[in-house]
Amino acid sequence: MEDWQHGGFGLYLHWPFCAAKCPYCDFNSHVRARVDQAAWENAFLSEIGRAGIETEGRRLDTVFFGGGTPSLMEPDLVASIIDRIRRTWPTSNSLEITLEANPTSVEAGRFRAYRDAGVNRVSMGIQALNDADLKALGRLHSVKEAQSAFEVAQAHFERVSFDLIYARQGQTLEAWIAELRAALSMAIDHLSLYQLTVEPGTAFGDRAARGMLRGLPDGDLGADMFEATQDLCSDAGMPAYEVSNHAAEGCESRHNLIYWRYGDYVGIGPGAHGRLTLSGQKWATSTPLHPEAWLAQVQDSGHGETPRQLLTPNEISEELLLMGLRLSEGVSLNRITAIAGAPLPERKLSELQEAQLIRVDGDRLRTTLQGRMVLNAILRELLSEDR
């Protein structure tokens, strides 16, 4: 058994286009007046074929259309891509195909067509259940439109998740609790709940640098919001299975679990990353960020990747730790040792256990609730000694 098989095998396709750029967004998303979807179809199909040759015979577990706003893709384009995927790899009997959608690009006919094409899970970017905050976040939809879009999605897909952002400007703990309760009353089986982070290079980042992004919760209030989120979601039967993701039992995002369990995945599209184990070696793959540059490279060179990076055993074990400690199930200590050739430092493990930031249960290393709030610090401690 190769190490990647602990996590599975997935495919990520990046659609880089949006109707507008949100001020907090640091994803690779771009606004275009017109997109030649036929040209993009040819490029996606070409890259799927190339990846299929390298990974021939593998069983594909998941497909994820991310972005950007993939619900701006024509349904015929999505159908063509899924058809090529099914003809390229044998697929799991429980193949999960997720498509991200924004409420502004949802309508019943389009969602029926996505379902008929093979999409069986939708992840919606609702982000707030407050019209004033939606406007501040640069979203183009209202709460009413978001609720209507969610009902349309629910009518066509058994599995529908949606995202919310909290720790927003001026938001109180009481306001977030009320909003989260409303979200839980809507949710089917999965919620992604993210604290607002202000990233350099975004519009929010530029405002913050000029002292113009006021009213953000301080660290203590953010921690209180995080703890309240864990309690409310657990009480509703949707505990956190990952730092920011909550689900009923068995309803986790199987695609994202491939990342967090450190499986292999193909990344196709501008800015997409991948991890591929080939001939016993693990490679990090990436692609040009600019949409037109990626498209031109596929058309001219027959591939859409930048030069691959061969990962060392230490780099692999560090990435496994980085991803696995995000999960409530934690990570296997034996797996880390087998990859790196040495165990994690016992002294650091003991110190972190004494500080009640981690737990070691047999072979499983897990973070506690307090540990998940300082995950980066835990990682620095565990990786600070030579191994």
Protein backbone atom coordinates (compact mmCIF):
# COMPACT_ATOMS: atom_id res chain seq x y z
CA MET A 1 0.00 0.00 0.00
CA GLU A 2 1.43 3.37 -1.04
CA ASP A 3 1.14 6.19 1.46
CA TRP A 4 -1.25 8.28 -0.66
CA GLN A 5 -3.83 5.49 -0.45
CA HIS A 6 -4.45 6.44 3.20
CA GLY A 7 -6.16 9.55 1.81
CA GLY A 8 -7.54 8.53 -1.58
CA PHE A 9 -7.39 10.06 -5.05
CA GLY A 10 -9.26 13.15 -6.23
CA LEU A 11 -9.42 15.70 -9.02
CA TYR A 12 -9.69 19.47 -8.57
CA LEU A 13 -10.68 21.73 -11.47
CA HIS A 14 -10.33 25.49 -11.08
CA TRP A 15 -12.72 27.85 -12.85
CA PRO A 16 -11.10 31.26 -12.28
CA PHE A 17 -13.92 33.60 -13.23
CA CYS A 18 -16.33 35.55 -11.02
CA ALA A 19 -19.00 38.17 -11.61
CA ALA A 20 -17.15 40.47 -9.15
CA LYS A 21 -14.08 40.32 -6.91
CA CYS A 22 -14.92 40.23 -3.21
CA PRO A 23 -12.72 42.56 -1.08
CA TYR A 24 -11.65 39.78 1.32
CA CYS A 25 -10.86 37.21 -1.38
CA ASP A 26 -7.28 36.10 -2.00
CA PHE A 27 -8.26 33.17 -4.24
CA ASN A 28 -7.21 33.10 -7.87
CA SER A 29 -10.39 34.70 -9.23
CA HIS A 30 -10.82 37.17 -12.07
CA VAL A 31 -13.61 39.22 -13.66
CA ARG A 32 -14.04 39.01 -17.45
CA ALA A 33 -16.71 40.51 -19.68
CA ARG A 34 -16.63 37.43 -21.90
CA VAL A 35 -15.22 33.91 -21.57
CA ASP A 36 -14.71 31.55 -24.51
CA GLN A 37 -16.09 28.46 -22.82
CA ALA A 38 -15.38 26.27 -25.86
CA ALA A 39 -11.66 27.08 -25.60
CA TRP A 40 -11.72 26.31 -21.89
CA GLU A 41 -13.50 23.05 -22.55
CA ASN A 42 -10.78 21.94 -24.95
CA ALA A 43 -8.09 22.86 -22.43
CA PHE A 44 -9.76 21.06 -19.52
CA LEU A 45 -10.34 17.93 -21.59
CA SER A 46 -6.74 17.95 -22.79
CA GLU A 47 -5.41 18.20 -19.23
CA ILE A 48 -7.72 15.45 -18.01
CA GLY A 49 -6.39 13.19 -20.74
CA ARG A 50 -2.78 13.98 -19.85
CA ALA A 51 -3.37 13.34 -16.13
CA GLY A 52 -5.20 10.13 -16.94
CA ILE A 53 -2.18 8.71 -18.74
CA GLU A 54 0.06 9.39 -15.72
CA THR A 55 -2.39 7.85 -13.24
CA GLU A 56 -3.84 5.11 -15.39
CA GLY A 57 -5.78 2.48 -13.49
CA ARG A 58 -6.29 4.49 -10.32
CA ARG A 59 -9.78 4.65 -8.89
CA LEU A 60 -11.05 8.22 -8.68
CA ASP A 61 -12.89 9.02 -5.44
CA THR A 62 -13.90 12.68 -5.84
CA VAL A 63 -14.16 15.60 -8.25
CA PHE A 64 -14.35 19.23 -7.13
CA PHE A 65 -15.20 22.21 -9.35
CA GLY A 66 -13.77 25.19 -7.45
CA GLY A 67 -13.08 28.79 -8.20
CA GLY A 68 -13.88 31.51 -8.86
CA THR A 69 -17.53 30.79 -9.43
CA PRO A 70 -17.98 27.41 -11.16
CA SER A 71 -21.76 27.94 -11.30
CA LEU A 72 -20.96 30.44 -14.09
CA MET A 73 -19.82 27.48 -16.21
CA GLU A 74 -22.27 26.41 -18.89
CA PRO A 75 -23.93 23.13 -17.89
CA ASP A 76 -22.88 21.56 -21.20
CA LEU A 77 -19.25 22.33 -20.31
CA VAL A 78 -19.63 20.67 -16.90
CA ALA A 79 -21.32 17.67 -18.54
CA SER A 80 -18.51 17.32 -21.09
CA ILE A 81 -15.84 17.43 -18.38
CA ILE A 82 -17.60 14.84 -16.20
CA ASP A 83 -18.11 12.56 -19.19
CA ARG A 84 -14.38 12.73 -20.01
CA ILE A 85 -13.49 12.08 -16.37
CA ARG A 86 -15.64 8.94 -16.28
CA ARG A 87 -14.04 7.69 -19.49
CA THR A 88 -10.54 8.39 -18.15
CA TRP A 89 -10.56 6.74 -14.71
CA PRO A 90 -12.48 3.96 -13.02
CA THR A 91 -14.53 5.70 -10.36
CA SER A 92 -15.62 4.92 -6.84
CA ASN A 93 -19.15 3.59 -6.41
CA SER A 94 -19.68 6.58 -4.15
CA LEU A 95 -18.00 9.12 -6.45
CA GLU A 96 -18.53 12.60 -5.00
CA ILE A 97 -18.75 15.44 -7.54
CA THR A 98 -18.97 18.88 -5.92
CA LEU A 99 -19.60 22.21 -7.63
CA GLU A 100 -19.21 25.55 -5.87
CA ALA A 101 -22.02 28.03 -6.48
CA ASN A 102 -22.89 31.59 -5.58
CA PRO A 103 -26.54 32.55 -4.95
CA THR A 104 -26.44 35.11 -7.77
CA SER A 105 -25.73 32.42 -10.37
CA VAL A 106 -28.38 29.93 -9.23
CA GLU A 107 -31.53 29.11 -11.13
CA ALA A 108 -33.54 25.93 -11.30
CA GLY A 109 -32.85 25.03 -14.93
CA ARG A 110 -29.08 25.38 -14.54
CA PHE A 111 -29.07 23.27 -11.37
CA ARG A 112 -31.17 20.56 -13.00
CA ALA A 113 -28.64 20.45 -15.82
CA TYR A 114 -25.71 20.20 -13.40
CA ARG A 115 -27.46 17.34 -11.60
CA ASP A 116 -28.16 15.58 -14.89
CA ALA A 117 -24.48 16.01 -15.82
CA GLY A 118 -23.46 14.10 -12.69
CA VAL A 119 -22.90 16.75 -10.02
CA ASN A 120 -24.19 15.31 -6.74
CA ARG A 121 -23.03 17.87 -4.18
CA VAL A 122 -23.18 21.68 -4.14
CA SER A 123 -21.24 24.07 -1.92
CA MET A 124 -22.78 27.54 -1.76
CA GLY A 125 -21.00 30.76 -0.87
CA ILE A 126 -23.66 32.48 1.20
CA GLN A 127 -21.13 34.08 3.64
CA ALA A 128 -23.59 36.07 5.79
CA LEU A 129 -27.27 36.11 6.79
CA ASN A 130 -27.32 39.87 7.22
CA ASP A 131 -27.88 42.22 4.28
CA ALA A 132 -25.68 45.02 5.61
CA ASP A 133 -22.78 42.62 6.16
CA LEU A 134 -23.28 41.02 2.76
CA LYS A 135 -22.87 44.45 1.21
CA ALA A 136 -19.76 45.14 3.30
CA LEU A 137 -18.30 41.81 2.15
CA GLY A 138 -18.87 42.80 -1.48
CA ARG A 139 -21.43 40.07 -2.10
CA LEU A 140 -23.91 40.61 -4.91
CA HIS A 141 -26.85 38.75 -3.30
CA SER A 142 -29.28 39.51 -0.49
CA VAL A 143 -30.25 37.21 2.37
CA LYS A 144 -33.58 36.57 0.66
CA GLU A 145 -31.82 35.61 -2.58
CA ALA A 146 -29.44 33.34 -0.68
CA GLN A 147 -32.30 31.54 1.05
CA SER A 148 -34.14 31.14 -2.25
CA ALA A 149 -30.99 29.80 -3.95
CA PHE A 150 -30.47 27.35 -1.11
CA GLU A 151 -34.03 26.05 -1.54
CA VAL A 152 -33.41 25.57 -5.27
CA ALA A 153 -30.20 23.66 -4.54
CA GLN A 154 -31.91 21.55 -1.90
CA ALA A 155 -34.62 20.60 -4.38
CA HIS A 156 -32.03 19.21 -6.83
CA PHE A 157 -29.23 17.79 -4.68
CA GLU A 158 -29.25 15.54 -1.65
CA ARG A 159 -26.00 17.08 -0.41
CA VAL A 160 -25.84 20.87 -0.09
CA SER A 161 -23.32 22.75 2.03
CA PHE A 162 -22.89 26.47 2.47
CA ASP A 163 -20.20 28.81 3.79
CA LEU A 164 -20.45 31.59 6.35
CA ILE A 165 -17.81 34.09 7.44
CA TYR A 166 -17.79 35.32 11.03
CA ALA A 167 -15.73 37.75 13.13
CA ARG A 168 -16.86 40.43 10.69
CA GLN A 169 -16.62 44.19 11.23
CA GLY A 170 -18.80 45.28 14.12
CA GLN A 171 -20.14 41.78 14.74
CA THR A 172 -20.94 40.89 18.35
CA LEU A 173 -20.88 37.45 19.90
CA GLU A 174 -24.64 37.59 20.37
CA ALA A 175 -25.20 38.52 16.72
CA TRP A 176 -23.02 35.63 15.52
CA ILE A 177 -24.82 33.15 17.79
CA ALA A 178 -28.19 34.26 16.41
CA GLU A 179 -26.92 34.03 12.83
CA LEU A 180 -25.40 30.61 13.37
CA ARG A 181 -28.63 29.31 14.88
CA ALA A 182 -30.46 30.52 11.77
CA ALA A 183 -27.88 28.79 9.57
CA LEU A 184 -28.22 25.54 11.50
CA SER A 185 -31.99 25.65 11.02
CA MET A 186 -31.38 25.80 7.25
CA ALA A 187 -28.46 23.40 6.96
CA ILE A 188 -28.89 19.87 5.65
CA ASP A 189 -25.74 18.14 6.85
CA HIS A 190 -22.66 20.31 6.30
CA LEU A 191 -21.49 23.85 7.08
CA SER A 192 -18.16 25.60 6.47
CA LEU A 193 -17.64 28.39 9.01
CA TYR A 194 -14.60 30.62 8.58
CA GLN A 195 -13.24 33.45 10.68
CA LEU A 196 -12.61 36.50 8.52
CA THR A 197 -8.93 36.87 7.82
CA VAL A 198 -7.49 40.00 6.25
CA GLU A 199 -4.97 38.92 3.62
CA PRO A 200 -2.28 41.13 2.04
CA GLY A 201 -3.02 42.03 -1.55
CA THR A 202 -6.81 42.03 -1.10
CA ALA A 203 -8.98 45.14 -0.98
CA PHE A 204 -9.52 44.52 2.74
CA GLY A 205 -5.77 44.16 3.19
CA ASP A 206 -5.16 47.50 1.50
CA ARG A 207 -7.83 49.18 3.67
CA ALA A 208 -6.39 47.66 6.82
CA ALA A 209 -2.90 48.91 5.91
CA ARG A 210 -4.34 52.44 5.67
CA GLY A 211 -6.17 52.08 9.00
CA MET A 212 -9.56 52.10 7.27
CA LEU A 213 -10.85 48.62 8.20
CA ARG A 214 -12.31 49.29 11.61
CA GLY A 215 -14.47 47.28 13.97
CA LEU A 216 -12.88 43.86 13.52
CA PRO A 217 -13.25 41.67 16.64
CA ASP A 218 -10.12 41.37 18.78
CA GLY A 219 -8.46 38.04 19.48
CA ASP A 220 -10.46 37.33 22.63
CA LEU A 221 -13.79 37.94 20.92
CA GLY A 222 -12.70 35.86 17.95
CA ALA A 223 -11.84 32.99 20.32
CA ASP A 224 -15.23 33.33 22.03
CA MET A 225 -16.93 33.15 18.63
CA PHE A 226 -14.92 30.04 17.73
CA GLU A 227 -15.83 28.30 20.98
CA ALA A 228 -19.51 29.22 20.61
CA THR A 229 -19.42 27.82 17.08
CA GLN A 230 -18.09 24.48 18.33
CA ASP A 231 -20.75 24.25 21.05
CA LEU A 232 -23.73 25.22 18.89
CA CYS A 233 -22.77 22.96 16.00
CA SER A 234 -22.08 20.00 18.27
CA ASP A 235 -25.43 20.47 19.99
CA ALA A 236 -27.09 20.49 16.55
CA GLY A 237 -25.47 17.17 15.57
CA MET A 238 -22.90 18.78 13.26
CA PRO A 239 -19.62 18.75 15.19
CA ALA A 240 -16.36 20.03 13.73
CA TYR A 241 -14.53 17.30 11.84
CA GLU A 242 -11.98 19.91 10.72
CA VAL A 243 -11.05 23.32 12.10
CA SER A 244 -13.64 25.20 10.01
CA ASN A 245 -15.91 22.43 8.75
CA HIS A 246 -18.89 20.86 10.49
CA ALA A 247 -20.97 17.90 9.39
CA ALA A 248 -23.40 15.24 10.49
CA GLU A 249 -21.77 11.83 10.78
CA GLY A 250 -20.92 10.43 7.34
CA CYS A 251 -21.63 13.73 5.57
CA GLU A 252 -18.13 15.19 5.53
CA SER A 253 -16.71 16.61 2.29
CA ARG A 254 -14.95 13.54 0.94
CA HIS A 255 -12.91 15.63 -1.47
CA ASN A 256 -11.53 17.88 1.25
CA LEU A 257 -10.79 14.81 3.35
CA ILE A 258 -8.41 13.71 0.60
CA TYR A 259 -6.41 16.92 1.20
CA TRP A 260 -6.48 16.63 4.99
CA ARG A 261 -5.69 12.90 5.00
CA TYR A 262 -2.90 13.68 2.54
CA GLY A 263 -3.97 11.58 -0.39
CA ASP A 264 -3.12 12.28 -4.03
CA TYR A 265 -5.02 14.74 -6.18
CA VAL A 266 -4.73 16.16 -9.66
CA GLY A 267 -4.98 19.95 -9.95
CA ILE A 268 -6.21 21.32 -13.28
CA GLY A 269 -6.81 24.96 -14.19
CA PRO A 270 -5.05 28.27 -13.48
CA GLY A 271 -3.59 28.37 -9.99
CA ALA A 272 -4.53 24.76 -9.20
CA HIS A 273 -2.16 22.73 -7.03
CA GLY A 274 -1.79 18.97 -6.89
CA ARG A 275 0.05 16.17 -5.13
CA LEU A 276 0.93 13.08 -7.16
CA THR A 277 2.84 9.95 -6.19
CA LEU A 278 4.53 8.52 -9.29
CA SER A 279 7.00 5.61 -9.22
CA GLY A 280 7.20 5.88 -5.44
CA GLN A 281 8.02 9.60 -5.38
CA LYS A 282 5.68 12.41 -4.29
CA TRP A 283 5.50 15.50 -6.47
CA ALA A 284 3.99 18.91 -5.82
CA THR A 285 2.34 20.29 -8.97
CA SER A 286 1.21 23.83 -9.72
CA THR A 287 -0.01 25.87 -12.66
CA PRO A 288 0.25 29.46 -13.92
CA LEU A 289 -2.05 31.80 -12.01
CA HIS A 290 -3.19 34.02 -14.87
CA PRO A 291 -6.16 32.47 -16.70
CA GLU A 292 -5.10 33.46 -20.19
CA ALA A 293 -1.50 32.38 -19.54
CA TRP A 294 -2.66 28.93 -18.41
CA LEU A 295 -4.99 28.58 -21.39
CA ALA A 296 -2.28 29.63 -23.85
CA GLN A 297 0.23 27.22 -22.32
CA VAL A 298 -2.16 24.29 -22.68
CA GLN A 299 -2.93 25.27 -26.27
CA ASP A 300 0.70 25.85 -27.26
CA SER A 301 2.61 23.30 -25.15
CA GLY A 302 0.10 20.54 -24.52
CA HIS A 303 0.30 20.91 -20.75
CA GLY A 304 -0.77 23.48 -18.16
CA GLU A 305 1.81 22.95 -15.39
CA THR A 306 4.76 24.87 -14.06
CA PRO A 307 7.87 22.75 -13.22
CA ARG A 308 7.10 20.12 -10.61
CA GLN A 309 8.79 19.93 -7.20
CA LEU A 310 9.98 16.60 -5.85
CA LEU A 311 9.12 16.47 -2.14
CA THR A 312 11.61 15.08 0.37
CA PRO A 313 10.50 12.61 3.07
CA ASN A 314 10.68 15.39 5.69
CA GLU A 315 8.60 17.72 3.53
CA ILE A 316 6.02 14.98 3.00
CA SER A 317 5.76 14.21 6.71
CA GLU A 318 5.51 17.92 7.53
CA GLU A 319 2.69 18.40 5.05
CA LEU A 320 0.93 15.33 6.44
CA LEU A 321 1.19 16.80 9.93
CA LEU A 322 0.06 20.24 8.74
CA MET A 323 -3.03 18.81 7.08
CA GLY A 324 -3.83 15.98 9.48
CA LEU A 325 -3.84 18.06 12.65
CA ARG A 326 -6.67 20.14 11.19
CA LEU A 327 -8.90 17.07 11.55
CA SER A 328 -10.64 16.02 14.74
CA GLU A 329 -9.50 12.45 13.95
CA GLY A 330 -5.89 13.64 13.97
CA VAL A 331 -2.99 11.91 12.27
CA SER A 332 -1.15 8.60 12.62
CA LEU A 333 2.18 8.86 14.42
CA ASN A 334 3.34 5.62 12.82
CA ARG A 335 2.59 7.01 9.38
CA ILE A 336 4.68 10.12 10.09
CA THR A 337 7.56 8.00 11.37
CA ALA A 338 7.40 5.66 8.37
CA ILE A 339 7.65 8.59 5.94
CA ALA A 340 10.28 10.68 7.75
CA GLY A 341 12.34 7.78 9.07
CA ALA A 342 12.20 9.24 12.59
CA PRO A 343 9.43 9.92 15.13
CA LEU A 344 8.23 13.33 16.24
CA PRO A 345 10.27 14.66 19.20
CA GLU A 346 8.98 12.99 22.37
CA ARG A 347 9.92 15.98 24.52
CA LYS A 348 7.79 18.33 22.43
CA LEU A 349 4.86 15.91 22.45
CA SER A 350 5.04 15.70 26.24
CA GLU A 351 5.22 19.48 26.66
CA LEU A 352 2.24 20.05 24.36
CA GLN A 353 0.24 17.38 26.17
CA GLU A 354 1.01 18.99 29.52
CA ALA A 355 -0.21 22.31 28.08
CA GLN A 356 -3.43 20.51 27.04
CA LEU A 357 -2.94 21.49 23.39
CA ILE A 358 -2.66 17.95 22.00
CA ARG A 359 -3.72 14.41 22.91
CA VAL A 360 -1.93 11.17 22.03
CA ASP A 361 -4.29 8.20 21.96
CA GLY A 362 -2.30 5.15 20.94
CA ASP A 363 -1.21 5.85 17.37
CA ARG A 364 -3.36 8.98 16.95
CA LEU A 365 -2.08 12.49 17.53
CA ARG A 366 -4.92 15.01 17.90
CA THR A 367 -5.25 18.65 18.84
CA THR A 368 -7.59 19.70 21.63
CA LEU A 369 -10.12 22.51 21.18
CA GLN A 370 -7.59 24.92 22.67
CA GLY A 371 -4.92 23.47 20.40
CA ARG A 372 -6.93 24.04 17.25
CA MET A 373 -6.98 27.76 18.07
CA VAL A 374 -3.15 27.86 18.08
CA LEU A 375 -2.46 25.21 15.46
CA ASN A 376 0.37 27.10 13.78
CA ALA A 377 2.21 27.40 17.10
CA ILE A 378 1.85 23.64 17.68
CA LEU A 379 3.27 22.90 14.26
CA ARG A 380 6.23 25.20 14.87
CA GLU A 381 6.97 23.37 18.12
CA LEU A 382 6.75 19.89 16.62
CA LEU A 383 8.85 20.77 13.58
CA SER A 384 11.48 22.90 15.31
CA GLU A 385 13.86 20.03 16.15
CA ASP A 386 16.01 18.03 13.74
CA ARG A 387 14.60 14.58 13.04
